[in-house]
């Protein structure tokens, strides 16, 4: 039997190009080294509704200005 953890919002979203991203595709919460690809992944997650902007700011400890 498989148990799924309850999460707020969708588990996965489909991008315009047909690819799918999930919360597992976002950088780890404790990410210290921010590469452009990791920043882009967070922005894609917010733009496509996988995670809210507020949740992303809390998860990664970023300010409104940085976001």
Foldseek 3Di string as FASTA:
>chain_A
DDDDDDDPWDQWFADPVGDIDGPVNADQLPDDDDDPVNVVVLVVCCVRGRDPPVRSCVSNVHDPVVD
